[in-house]
Amino acid sequence: MNKETEQDKHGTEVPTNEVASNRLQGDETFPCQVDRSSKAVAKASRDFGRMIPGHAKGVIAVTTPDELVMTVRNAKSSGVSLTPCGTRSSCGGQSLPNGGLSLDMTSMNAVGPVDLRNATIECESGATLR
């Protein structure tokens, strides 16, 4: 990393001016930073199959239920649309925003508890089969 770049919250080096210039008024009201870097927006605008395009204006990555609740409340009160996504494995593009922000819940990947009687497992939206 040099003086002309900084790391975004995903650890990716981006030009310093890209991170700063992509912040919009109101972003500071969210409990997590809104990532408006071109890399984050591009990733949030496509699903795993890359067949259906979306259009994210930014990404908010939450890691706890409290951050999730605060983010949804702040978005509702400020009129910002959120599209929740876990692993971006929807069949019809449901996890892709059409404007607004992508609510990235991939870090919320806890699995359990297992209910043997009902043959179910409770898991968070970022959980995978791997």
Protein backbone atom coordinates (compact mmCIF):
# COMPACT_ATOMS: atom_id res chain seq x y z
CA MET A 1 0.00 0.00 0.00
CA ASN A 2 1.33 3.43 -0.88
CA LYS A 3 0.29 7.01 -0.08
CA GLU A 4 -2.05 7.11 -3.09
CA THR A 5 -4.03 4.02 -2.07
CA GLU A 6 -5.82 2.77 0.99
CA GLN A 7 -7.51 -0.48 1.87
CA ASP A 8 -11.25 -0.71 1.77
CA LYS A 9 -13.00 -2.81 4.43
CA HIS A 10 -12.44 -5.95 2.35
CA GLY A 11 -8.66 -5.37 2.40
CA THR A 12 -8.53 -4.42 -1.26
CA GLU A 13 -6.27 -1.55 -2.26
CA VAL A 14 -8.17 1.24 -3.99
CA PRO A 15 -7.18 4.78 -4.90
CA THR A 16 -7.50 7.05 -1.86
CA ASN A 17 -9.74 9.47 -3.72
CA GLU A 18 -12.08 6.62 -4.81
CA VAL A 19 -12.89 5.64 -1.21
CA ALA A 20 -13.41 9.22 -0.06
CA SER A 21 -15.29 10.43 -3.13
CA ASN A 22 -17.69 7.49 -3.10
CA ARG A 23 -19.08 8.34 0.32
CA LEU A 24 -22.40 10.12 0.11
CA GLN A 25 -24.24 12.30 2.56
CA GLY A 26 -26.16 10.05 4.93
CA ASP A 27 -23.69 7.15 4.75
CA GLU A 28 -22.47 8.05 8.23
CA THR A 29 -25.90 7.22 9.71
CA PHE A 30 -25.32 3.50 9.17
CA PRO A 31 -23.57 1.43 11.87
CA CYS A 32 -21.25 -0.07 9.23
CA GLN A 33 -19.36 1.76 6.52
CA VAL A 34 -21.07 1.93 3.12
CA ASP A 35 -18.59 0.61 0.58
CA ARG A 36 -19.10 2.41 -2.71
CA SER A 37 -15.84 1.32 -4.34
CA SER A 38 -16.14 0.12 -7.94
CA LYS A 39 -14.98 -3.37 -6.95
CA ALA A 40 -17.61 -3.78 -4.20
CA VAL A 41 -20.39 -2.37 -6.39
CA ALA A 42 -19.46 -4.69 -9.28
CA LYS A 43 -19.41 -7.75 -7.01
CA ALA A 44 -22.78 -6.86 -5.45
CA SER A 45 -24.32 -6.34 -8.89
CA ARG A 46 -23.95 -9.96 -10.02
CA ASP A 47 -24.84 -13.34 -8.59
CA PHE A 48 -22.88 -16.57 -8.83
CA GLY A 49 -24.25 -17.48 -12.27
CA ARG A 50 -23.68 -14.00 -13.74
CA MET A 51 -26.84 -14.43 -15.83
CA ILE A 52 -28.98 -11.70 -14.29
CA PRO A 53 -27.49 -8.23 -13.82
CA GLY A 54 -28.22 -6.02 -10.86
CA HIS A 55 -27.27 -2.45 -10.02
CA ALA A 56 -25.93 -1.79 -6.53
CA LYS A 57 -25.11 1.75 -5.47
CA GLY A 58 -23.07 0.48 -2.53
CA VAL A 59 -22.59 -2.34 -0.06
CA ILE A 60 -23.14 -2.52 3.68
CA ALA A 61 -21.59 -5.60 5.26
CA VAL A 62 -23.10 -6.50 8.62
CA THR A 63 -21.57 -9.03 10.97
CA THR A 64 -23.97 -9.16 13.92
CA PRO A 65 -27.73 -9.22 14.42
CA ASP A 66 -27.48 -5.82 16.18
CA GLU A 67 -25.74 -4.26 13.16
CA LEU A 68 -28.40 -5.79 10.92
CA VAL A 69 -31.26 -4.33 12.96
CA MET A 70 -29.65 -0.87 13.15
CA THR A 71 -28.89 -0.88 9.42
CA VAL A 72 -32.47 -1.80 8.47
CA ARG A 73 -33.89 0.84 10.82
CA ASN A 74 -31.57 3.54 9.47
CA ALA A 75 -32.35 2.61 5.87
CA LYS A 76 -36.08 2.71 6.53
CA SER A 77 -35.94 6.09 8.26
CA SER A 78 -33.79 7.60 5.50
CA GLY A 79 -35.70 6.05 2.58
CA VAL A 80 -32.76 3.95 1.34
CA SER A 81 -33.65 0.64 -0.27
CA LEU A 82 -31.77 -2.48 0.86
CA THR A 83 -31.47 -5.81 -0.90
CA PRO A 84 -30.38 -8.56 1.49
CA CYS A 85 -27.87 -11.09 0.26
CA GLY A 86 -26.09 -14.01 1.83
CA THR A 87 -24.21 -16.18 -0.62
CA ARG A 88 -25.71 -14.60 -3.78
CA SER A 89 -27.03 -17.92 -4.97
CA SER A 90 -30.55 -16.90 -5.95
CA CYS A 91 -32.17 -18.53 -8.97
CA GLY A 92 -33.76 -15.39 -10.33
CA GLY A 93 -31.65 -12.47 -9.15
CA GLN A 94 -33.54 -11.90 -5.89
CA SER A 95 -30.29 -11.10 -4.07
CA LEU A 96 -29.34 -8.39 -6.58
CA PRO A 97 -30.28 -4.76 -5.99
CA ASN A 98 -31.87 -2.62 -8.67
CA GLY A 99 -30.51 0.61 -7.28
CA GLY A 100 -30.09 1.07 -3.57
CA LEU A 101 -27.67 -0.77 -1.34
CA SER A 102 -26.71 -4.42 -1.10
CA LEU A 103 -27.00 -5.68 2.48
CA ASP A 104 -24.12 -8.16 2.61
CA MET A 105 -24.65 -10.80 5.29
CA THR A 106 -21.95 -13.28 4.19
CA SER A 107 -20.12 -12.80 7.50
CA MET A 108 -23.24 -13.93 9.35
CA ASN A 109 -22.52 -17.62 8.79
CA ALA A 110 -23.30 -19.38 12.07
CA VAL A 111 -24.84 -22.85 11.89
CA GLY A 112 -26.97 -24.40 14.62
CA PRO A 113 -28.77 -25.47 16.60
CA VAL A 114 -29.65 -28.84 15.12
CA ASP A 115 -33.21 -30.03 15.77
CA LEU A 116 -33.09 -33.81 15.33
CA ARG A 117 -36.76 -34.29 16.12
CA ASN A 118 -37.88 -32.03 13.25
CA ALA A 119 -34.82 -32.75 11.08
CA THR A 120 -33.93 -29.06 10.75
CA ILE A 121 -30.87 -26.91 11.25
CA GLU A 122 -31.09 -23.20 11.95
CA CYS A 123 -28.44 -21.12 10.19
CA GLU A 124 -27.63 -17.53 9.28
CA SER A 125 -27.85 -16.25 5.71
CA GLY A 126 -24.11 -16.45 5.00
CA ALA A 127 -23.82 -20.14 5.86
CA THR A 128 -22.64 -22.43 3.07
CA LEU A 129 -22.66 -26.17 2.53
CA ARG A 130 -18.88 -26.29 2.55
